[in-house]
Amino acid sequence: MSSPLLDLPRAERRGPDYVERARRLAPMLKDAADEIEERRELPEPIVEALIEGGFFKLLIPRSLGGAELHPLTYVQVLEEIGRAEPSTAWSLGQNSGCSMSAPYLDPAVAREIFGPPRGILAWGPDLPGAGRGVAVEGGIRVTGRWGFATGSRHAAWLGAHVPVFEPDGTQRMNPNGRPHVRTVLFPKSKAEIIDNWQVIGLRGTGSDSYRVEDLFVPEKYTFGRDNPAERREAGLLYRFTSGMIYAMGFSNVSLGIARGALEAFIELARDKIPRGARKTLRENNVIQSEVAQSEAKLRSARASIHATLRDMWEDAERDGDFLPERHWQLRLSTTWAINQARDVVAAVYNAAGSAAIFNENPFERRLRDIHAGTQQGQGRPVHFETVGQILMGLPPEGRMFR
């Protein structure tokens, strides 16, 4: 069903209506949900449909054949897909974040990686000690093991973020005293894939681990992640860092998961009469209040993200960059949305009663999916501390985006 309260004003778009494409894809995703869960990956027909719809190229520069979407349109696409099938949306969010590497590569290399229909990149997070690179003539020799490579099963390329060491073992440092880190890209065939994605939620993302041993990566397949000095594209989209893209993406996937759960509950409440009761769930005053509050949580969280993204885009149009306060505003709105989405899913799961525990209903799976998502870094409560420190005039103890 479609909530009459769902839609807010849409961002301006150029070209295809990707939000409408996502809505048309929804029935196929819902039909495939059980298979996605069981296989722990996106089935090939789903991947092909995503490729055909251009969903893996949402953030690729137009100069490379991509959509280069306005962020407001991008987050609405992820929300719609998350509403239908969470693992698909989460995978798309991760692969899209990885594709933000395209503006930092030589155009010929970017076309080689992202130009083909299967030009999909995946990588794991930058965790201390996961890997290292040794600078050699013409490139970097990389060794390491990384996990949580969401979307890697349908990707053709993998990447890793590695601190760079000199041949004598000395660690290379930046002028600011931080370790010098390069992102390296290589064909998936060069890595050993470790099938260890045995988890309770977002099972269909196939977020396996992978490793390489002394792999030579030519210099042209490396770049400084989010380094403005290496950025080759002038589009306003690329003023956003990959960390910002992940925050806005995964928060809106979370809102989509919660929206789907709330819609399913409203449908259930029309006919379900709890044991010992005389009226349907929807005639219960407590349930009515719970549904209204859940709607308010989703709408207000969504509106906060949208307003922040509009402001950031206007900043970039006017000044070429964002006002300083936009960074904490985006962090606050996205973290808040993830946590509000989790609360809504938990509320409707509890309100659904015994019906929620059966696989035939979407509640238990969405409960598992949303809790798997909130364990990811974008939803961590520590982000509230960081923003609170800024609001009270204190230096933040943590980095806003990674």
Protein backbone atom coordinates (compact mmCIF):
# COMPACT_ATOMS: atom_id res chain seq x y z
CA MET A 1 0.00 0.00 0.00
CA SER A 2 1.09 3.61 -0.39
CA SER A 3 0.88 6.05 2.48
CA PRO A 4 -0.97 9.27 1.58
CA LEU A 5 1.53 11.08 3.79
CA LEU A 6 4.69 9.70 2.18
CA ASP A 7 5.58 12.23 -0.47
CA LEU A 8 7.37 15.50 0.12
CA PRO A 9 8.28 17.96 -2.66
CA ARG A 10 10.68 16.33 -5.07
CA ALA A 11 14.04 17.69 -6.10
CA GLU A 12 14.50 18.93 -9.63
CA ARG A 13 15.72 16.18 -11.93
CA ARG A 14 17.31 16.04 -15.31
CA GLY A 15 16.63 13.11 -17.62
CA PRO A 16 15.11 9.84 -16.45
CA ASP A 17 12.93 9.71 -13.36
CA TYR A 18 14.95 7.29 -11.26
CA VAL A 19 12.52 7.46 -8.33
CA GLU A 20 9.76 6.20 -10.60
CA ARG A 21 12.09 3.53 -11.94
CA ALA A 22 12.67 2.38 -8.37
CA ARG A 23 8.92 2.20 -7.74
CA ARG A 24 8.42 0.11 -10.87
CA LEU A 25 11.16 -2.26 -9.74
CA ALA A 26 9.60 -2.75 -6.30
CA PRO A 27 7.26 -5.68 -7.15
CA MET A 28 10.15 -7.67 -8.59
CA LEU A 29 12.23 -7.02 -5.48
CA LYS A 30 9.42 -8.05 -3.15
CA ASP A 31 8.90 -11.28 -5.09
CA ALA A 32 12.61 -12.07 -4.83
CA ALA A 33 12.94 -11.27 -1.12
CA ASP A 34 12.93 -14.89 0.08
CA GLU A 35 15.50 -15.93 -2.52
CA ILE A 36 17.71 -12.95 -1.65
CA GLU A 37 17.59 -13.94 2.03
CA GLU A 38 18.29 -17.61 1.33
CA ARG A 39 21.11 -17.08 -1.18
CA ARG A 40 22.75 -14.29 0.85
CA GLU A 41 23.22 -12.30 -2.35
CA LEU A 42 21.25 -10.60 -5.09
CA PRO A 43 20.11 -13.12 -7.71
CA GLU A 44 21.33 -12.50 -11.23
CA PRO A 45 17.91 -11.33 -12.58
CA ILE A 46 17.84 -8.64 -9.86
CA VAL A 47 21.38 -7.54 -10.67
CA GLU A 48 20.52 -7.39 -14.37
CA ALA A 49 17.41 -5.33 -13.65
CA LEU A 50 19.48 -2.89 -11.57
CA ILE A 51 22.03 -2.62 -14.35
CA GLU A 52 19.36 -2.09 -16.99
CA GLY A 53 17.73 0.62 -14.86
CA GLY A 54 21.05 2.44 -14.45
CA PHE A 55 20.98 2.08 -10.66
CA PHE A 56 24.69 1.30 -10.32
CA LYS A 57 25.56 4.53 -12.17
CA LEU A 58 23.46 6.96 -10.11
CA LEU A 59 26.52 8.87 -8.85
CA ILE A 60 28.86 8.31 -11.81
CA PRO A 61 29.75 11.56 -13.62
CA ARG A 62 27.74 12.35 -16.73
CA SER A 63 31.04 12.70 -18.59
CA LEU A 64 31.54 8.96 -17.98
CA GLY A 65 27.99 7.96 -18.95
CA GLY A 66 26.52 8.13 -15.44
CA ALA A 67 23.46 9.89 -14.04
CA GLU A 68 25.30 12.26 -11.63
CA LEU A 69 22.09 12.59 -9.67
CA HIS A 70 21.14 15.42 -7.38
CA PRO A 71 21.56 14.06 -3.81
CA LEU A 72 17.86 14.60 -3.08
CA THR A 73 16.89 12.34 -5.94
CA TYR A 74 19.52 9.78 -4.98
CA VAL A 75 18.28 9.38 -1.41
CA GLN A 76 14.69 9.02 -2.57
CA VAL A 77 15.74 6.19 -4.90
CA LEU A 78 17.37 4.34 -2.02
CA GLU A 79 14.36 4.94 0.21
CA GLU A 80 11.99 3.46 -2.38
CA ILE A 81 14.18 0.39 -2.90
CA GLY A 82 14.66 -0.05 0.85
CA ARG A 83 10.91 0.06 1.27
CA ALA A 84 10.65 -2.91 -1.09
CA GLU A 85 13.74 -5.01 -0.24
CA PRO A 86 16.36 -3.83 2.28
CA SER A 87 19.40 -5.87 1.20
CA THR A 88 19.12 -4.62 -2.37
CA ALA A 89 18.98 -1.01 -1.19
CA TRP A 90 21.88 -1.47 1.21
CA SER A 91 24.02 -3.05 -1.51
CA LEU A 92 23.16 -0.27 -3.94
CA GLY A 93 24.05 2.33 -1.29
CA GLN A 94 27.45 0.74 -0.73
CA ASN A 95 28.24 0.27 -4.42
CA SER A 96 27.17 3.86 -5.10
CA GLY A 97 29.41 5.18 -2.33
CA CYS A 98 32.32 3.26 -3.84
CA SER A 99 31.54 4.73 -7.26
CA MET A 100 32.34 8.17 -5.83
CA SER A 101 35.93 7.20 -6.61
CA ALA A 102 35.28 7.83 -10.32
CA PRO A 103 35.80 11.63 -10.14
CA TYR A 104 39.28 11.10 -8.68
CA LEU A 105 40.60 8.76 -11.38
CA ASP A 106 42.08 9.45 -14.78
CA PRO A 107 39.06 9.41 -17.14
CA ALA A 108 40.46 6.47 -19.12
CA VAL A 109 40.83 4.42 -15.94
CA ALA A 110 37.39 5.47 -14.71
CA ARG A 111 35.87 4.33 -18.01
CA GLU A 112 37.69 1.01 -17.78
CA ILE A 113 36.27 0.36 -14.31
CA PHE A 114 32.82 1.94 -14.44
CA GLY A 115 32.07 2.03 -18.16
CA PRO A 116 31.01 -1.60 -18.76
CA PRO A 117 27.50 -2.68 -17.71
CA ARG A 118 29.11 -4.71 -14.93
CA GLY A 119 31.30 -1.80 -13.86
CA ILE A 120 30.54 -2.22 -10.17
CA LEU A 121 33.02 -1.58 -7.35
CA ALA A 122 32.91 -2.84 -3.75
CA TRP A 123 35.22 -2.51 -0.77
CA GLY A 124 35.34 -2.98 2.97
CA PRO A 125 35.76 -0.26 5.61
CA ASP A 126 39.06 1.33 6.49
CA LEU A 127 39.87 -0.54 9.72
CA PRO A 128 43.19 -0.23 11.55
CA GLY A 129 45.55 -3.07 10.75
CA ALA A 130 43.43 -4.53 7.95
CA GLY A 131 46.08 -4.06 5.29
CA ARG A 132 49.10 -2.12 4.14
CA GLY A 133 50.76 -1.00 0.94
CA VAL A 134 54.44 -0.76 0.10
CA ALA A 135 55.42 1.94 -2.38
CA VAL A 136 57.40 0.49 -5.28
CA GLU A 137 58.30 1.76 -8.72
CA GLY A 138 55.11 2.36 -10.71
CA GLY A 139 52.64 1.56 -7.96
CA ILE A 140 51.93 -0.08 -4.62
CA ARG A 141 52.26 -3.69 -3.42
CA VAL A 142 49.25 -4.47 -1.26
CA THR A 143 48.72 -7.11 1.39
CA GLY A 144 45.73 -7.41 3.69
CA ARG A 145 42.36 -8.80 4.58
CA TRP A 146 39.18 -6.74 4.69
CA GLY A 147 35.61 -7.53 5.69
CA PHE A 148 32.10 -6.21 5.13
CA ALA A 149 32.47 -5.90 1.35
CA THR A 150 28.79 -5.25 0.73
CA GLY A 151 27.76 -5.90 -2.86
CA SER A 152 31.01 -7.68 -3.67
CA ARG A 153 29.32 -10.79 -5.06
CA HIS A 154 27.93 -8.89 -8.03
CA ALA A 155 30.90 -6.51 -8.34
CA ALA A 156 33.68 -6.79 -10.92
CA TRP A 157 36.20 -4.67 -8.99
CA LEU A 158 37.32 -4.47 -5.37
CA GLY A 159 39.12 -1.74 -3.50
CA ALA A 160 40.95 -1.18 -0.24
CA HIS A 161 42.21 1.77 1.77
CA VAL A 162 45.80 1.14 2.80
CA PRO A 163 48.43 3.07 4.74
CA VAL A 164 51.53 3.40 2.60
CA PHE A 165 55.00 2.33 3.73
CA GLU A 166 58.36 2.89 2.11
CA PRO A 167 60.39 -0.17 0.99
CA ASP A 168 62.52 0.17 4.13
CA GLY A 169 59.44 -0.18 6.34
CA THR A 170 59.08 3.52 7.22
CA GLN A 171 55.48 4.65 7.26
CA ARG A 172 54.71 7.53 4.90
CA MET A 173 53.07 10.46 6.67
CA ASN A 174 51.05 13.45 5.45
CA PRO A 175 52.11 17.04 6.28
CA ASN A 176 49.43 17.10 9.03
CA GLY A 177 51.10 14.18 10.79
CA ARG A 178 48.51 11.57 9.82
CA PRO A 179 49.40 8.36 7.98
CA HIS A 180 49.36 8.63 4.19
CA VAL A 181 46.51 6.41 2.93
CA ARG A 182 45.80 5.47 -0.68
CA THR A 183 42.73 3.76 -2.02
CA VAL A 184 43.72 0.98 -4.41
CA LEU A 185 41.42 -0.65 -6.98
CA PHE A 186 41.88 -4.07 -8.59
CA PRO A 187 39.80 -6.69 -10.44
CA LYS A 188 37.90 -9.00 -8.10
CA SER A 189 39.60 -11.94 -9.81
CA LYS A 190 42.87 -10.83 -8.16
CA ALA A 191 41.51 -11.39 -4.65
CA GLU A 192 40.61 -14.42 -2.59
CA ILE A 193 36.96 -14.17 -1.54
CA ILE A 194 36.10 -15.50 1.94
CA ASP A 195 32.47 -16.61 2.27
CA ASN A 196 31.82 -15.63 5.89
CA TRP A 197 28.63 -13.57 5.66
CA GLN A 198 26.64 -15.61 8.23
CA VAL A 199 24.56 -12.93 9.93
CA ILE A 200 21.08 -12.25 11.31
CA GLY A 201 20.13 -9.29 9.12
CA LEU A 202 20.77 -7.80 5.68
CA ARG A 203 21.78 -11.30 4.68
CA GLY A 204 21.25 -10.60 0.99
CA THR A 205 24.06 -8.05 0.85
CA GLY A 206 26.66 -10.85 0.66
CA SER A 207 29.15 -8.71 2.56
CA ASP A 208 32.01 -11.20 2.40
CA SER A 209 35.63 -10.72 3.40
CA TYR A 210 38.49 -10.76 0.88
CA ARG A 211 42.27 -10.77 0.93
CA VAL A 212 45.28 -10.21 -1.29
CA GLU A 213 48.96 -11.03 -0.77
CA ASP A 214 51.68 -8.80 -2.24
CA LEU A 215 49.40 -7.67 -5.07
CA PHE A 216 50.95 -5.07 -7.35
CA VAL A 217 48.51 -2.23 -8.07
CA PRO A 218 49.69 0.27 -10.72
CA GLU A 219 49.71 3.88 -9.60
CA LYS A 220 46.93 4.88 -11.99
CA TYR A 221 44.54 2.57 -10.09
CA THR A 222 45.17 4.40 -6.82
CA PHE A 223 43.91 7.72 -5.49
CA GLY A 224 43.55 9.82 -2.38
CA ARG A 225 40.01 9.29 -1.19
CA ASP A 226 38.06 12.57 -1.00
CA ASN A 227 41.22 14.56 -1.69
CA PRO A 228 40.12 17.76 -3.50
CA ALA A 229 43.57 18.10 -5.08
CA GLU A 230 42.95 14.88 -7.03
CA ARG A 231 39.33 15.55 -7.98
CA ARG A 232 38.89 15.80 -11.76
CA GLU A 233 35.15 16.52 -11.98
CA ALA A 234 33.62 19.97 -11.45
CA GLY A 235 30.05 18.82 -10.76
CA LEU A 236 28.50 20.01 -7.50
CA LEU A 237 27.74 16.41 -6.51
CA TYR A 238 31.45 15.83 -6.02
CA ARG A 239 31.69 18.46 -3.30
CA PHE A 240 30.12 15.74 -1.15
CA THR A 241 32.63 13.30 0.33
CA SER A 242 32.11 9.55 0.18
CA GLY A 243 31.45 9.62 3.94
CA MET A 244 28.60 12.08 3.40
CA ILE A 245 27.22 9.88 0.63
CA TYR A 246 27.24 6.83 2.90
CA ALA A 247 25.53 8.76 5.70
CA MET A 248 22.74 10.09 3.51
CA GLY A 249 22.39 6.78 1.67
CA PHE A 250 22.18 4.35 4.58
CA SER A 251 19.94 6.66 6.60
CA ASN A 252 17.42 6.75 3.77
CA VAL A 253 17.64 2.99 3.29
CA SER A 254 16.75 2.78 6.98
CA LEU A 255 13.78 5.10 6.48
CA GLY A 256 12.65 2.90 3.60
CA ILE A 257 12.87 -0.23 5.76
CA ALA A 258 10.77 1.46 8.45
CA ARG A 259 8.28 2.81 5.92
CA GLY A 260 7.75 -0.68 4.51
CA ALA A 261 7.24 -2.10 8.00
CA LEU A 262 4.74 0.63 8.94
CA GLU A 263 2.74 0.14 5.75
CA ALA A 264 2.63 -3.61 6.33
CA PHE A 265 1.40 -3.08 9.86
CA ILE A 266 -1.38 -0.70 8.80
CA GLU A 267 -2.54 -3.36 6.35
CA LEU A 268 -2.42 -6.05 9.04
CA ALA A 269 -4.29 -3.85 11.54
CA ARG A 270 -7.29 -3.49 9.23
CA ASP A 271 -8.35 -7.08 9.71
CA LYS A 272 -6.53 -8.57 12.70
CA ILE A 273 -8.60 -9.03 15.84
CA PRO A 274 -6.29 -9.85 18.75
CA ARG A 275 -7.15 -12.82 20.91
CA GLY A 276 -9.72 -11.82 23.54
CA ALA A 277 -10.58 -8.56 21.78
CA ARG A 278 -13.76 -7.60 19.94
CA LYS A 279 -12.36 -5.03 17.57
CA THR A 280 -9.60 -4.93 15.00
CA LEU A 281 -6.18 -3.55 15.83
CA ARG A 282 -6.84 -0.37 13.90
CA GLU A 283 -9.79 0.43 16.18
CA ASN A 284 -7.55 0.33 19.24
CA ASN A 285 -6.76 3.82 20.53
CA VAL A 286 -3.26 2.88 21.65
CA ILE A 287 -2.47 1.47 18.21
CA GLN A 288 -3.85 4.57 16.54
CA SER A 289 -1.54 6.75 18.62
CA GLU A 290 1.45 4.48 17.92
CA VAL A 291 0.87 4.64 14.17
CA ALA A 292 0.54 8.43 14.24
CA GLN A 293 3.74 8.82 16.23
CA SER A 294 5.59 6.44 13.90
CA GLU A 295 4.43 8.48 10.92
CA ALA A 296 5.66 11.65 12.61
CA LYS A 297 9.06 10.11 13.31
CA LEU A 298 9.58 9.07 9.70
CA ARG A 299 8.29 12.28 8.17
CA SER A 300 10.28 14.56 10.46
CA ALA A 301 13.49 12.55 10.05
CA ARG A 302 13.08 12.51 6.28
CA ALA A 303 12.32 16.24 6.16
CA SER A 304 15.42 17.04 8.21
CA ILE A 305 17.71 15.18 5.80
CA HIS A 306 16.02 16.71 2.76
CA ALA A 307 16.28 20.24 4.16
CA THR A 308 19.97 19.75 4.95
CA LEU A 309 20.72 18.41 1.47
CA ARG A 310 18.89 21.34 -0.14
CA ASP A 311 20.91 23.78 1.95
CA MET A 312 24.17 22.04 1.08
CA TRP A 313 23.40 22.11 -2.62
CA GLU A 314 22.56 25.81 -2.46
CA ASP A 315 25.83 26.43 -0.61
CA ALA A 316 27.76 24.63 -3.34
CA GLU A 317 25.95 26.54 -6.09
CA ARG A 318 26.64 29.87 -4.41
CA ASP A 319 30.09 29.39 -2.85
CA GLY A 320 31.52 26.22 -4.36
CA ASP A 321 31.61 24.58 -0.93
CA PHE A 322 29.47 23.96 2.16
CA LEU A 323 29.06 26.22 5.14
CA PRO A 324 30.86 24.74 8.17
CA GLU A 325 27.64 24.01 10.05
CA ARG A 326 26.32 21.80 7.25
CA HIS A 327 28.70 19.03 8.27
CA TRP A 328 27.22 18.57 11.72
CA GLN A 329 23.71 19.17 10.41
CA LEU A 330 24.06 16.29 7.96
CA ARG A 331 25.63 14.05 10.58
CA LEU A 332 22.85 14.83 13.06
CA SER A 333 19.97 14.41 10.62
CA THR A 334 21.25 11.11 9.21
CA THR A 335 22.12 9.55 12.57
CA TRP A 336 18.75 10.66 13.96
CA ALA A 337 16.93 9.15 10.97
CA ILE A 338 18.62 5.77 11.42
CA ASN A 339 17.68 5.64 15.08
CA GLN A 340 14.12 6.82 14.47
CA ALA A 341 13.71 4.17 11.78
CA ARG A 342 14.90 1.49 14.20
CA ASP A 343 12.37 2.64 16.80
CA VAL A 344 9.51 2.57 14.30
CA VAL A 345 10.31 -0.96 13.17
CA ALA A 346 10.53 -2.13 16.79
CA ALA A 347 7.19 -0.45 17.59
CA VAL A 348 5.26 -2.06 14.75
CA TYR A 349 6.90 -5.43 15.41
CA ASN A 350 5.66 -5.32 18.99
CA ALA A 351 2.22 -4.05 17.98
CA ALA A 352 1.78 -6.84 15.41
CA GLY A 353 1.83 -9.45 18.18
CA SER A 354 2.35 -13.10 17.31
CA ALA A 355 1.90 -12.39 13.60
CA ALA A 356 5.29 -10.66 13.62
CA ILE A 357 7.28 -13.85 14.21
CA PHE A 358 6.21 -15.65 11.03
CA ASN A 359 8.32 -15.50 7.87
CA GLU A 360 5.23 -14.93 5.74
CA ASN A 361 4.92 -11.47 7.27
CA PRO A 362 7.65 -8.85 6.74
CA PHE A 363 8.07 -7.83 10.37
CA GLU A 364 10.69 -10.22 11.73
CA ARG A 365 12.96 -9.84 8.71
CA ARG A 366 12.74 -6.08 8.78
CA LEU A 367 13.46 -6.12 12.50
CA ARG A 368 16.62 -8.12 11.81
CA ASP A 369 17.56 -5.94 8.84
CA ILE A 370 17.15 -2.62 10.66
CA HIS A 371 19.15 -3.82 13.64
CA ALA A 372 21.93 -5.09 11.38
CA GLY A 373 21.94 -1.68 9.72
CA THR A 374 22.13 0.27 12.97
CA GLN A 375 25.25 -1.68 13.93
CA GLN A 376 26.98 -0.06 10.96
CA GLY A 377 29.05 3.03 11.69
CA GLN A 378 26.60 5.62 10.36
CA GLY A 379 24.09 5.01 13.15
CA ARG A 380 26.47 5.00 16.12
CA PRO A 381 25.23 6.99 19.15
CA VAL A 382 28.68 8.55 19.51
CA HIS A 383 27.77 10.83 16.61
CA PHE A 384 25.31 12.60 18.90
CA GLU A 385 28.16 13.30 21.31
CA THR A 386 30.27 14.78 18.51
CA VAL A 387 27.47 17.10 17.38
CA GLY A 388 26.67 18.03 20.97
CA GLN A 389 30.28 19.03 21.54
CA ILE A 390 30.15 21.33 18.53
CA LEU A 391 26.83 22.87 19.57
CA MET A 392 28.26 23.66 23.01
CA GLY A 393 31.37 25.27 21.62
CA LEU A 394 33.74 22.40 22.35
CA PRO A 395 36.23 20.86 19.91
CA PRO A 396 34.80 17.59 18.59
CA GLU A 397 36.59 14.51 19.83
CA GLY A 398 35.79 12.48 16.71
CA ARG A 399 35.86 13.07 12.97
CA MET A 400 32.53 14.02 11.45
CA PHE A 401 32.77 11.82 8.36
CA ARG A 402 35.22 9.10 7.34
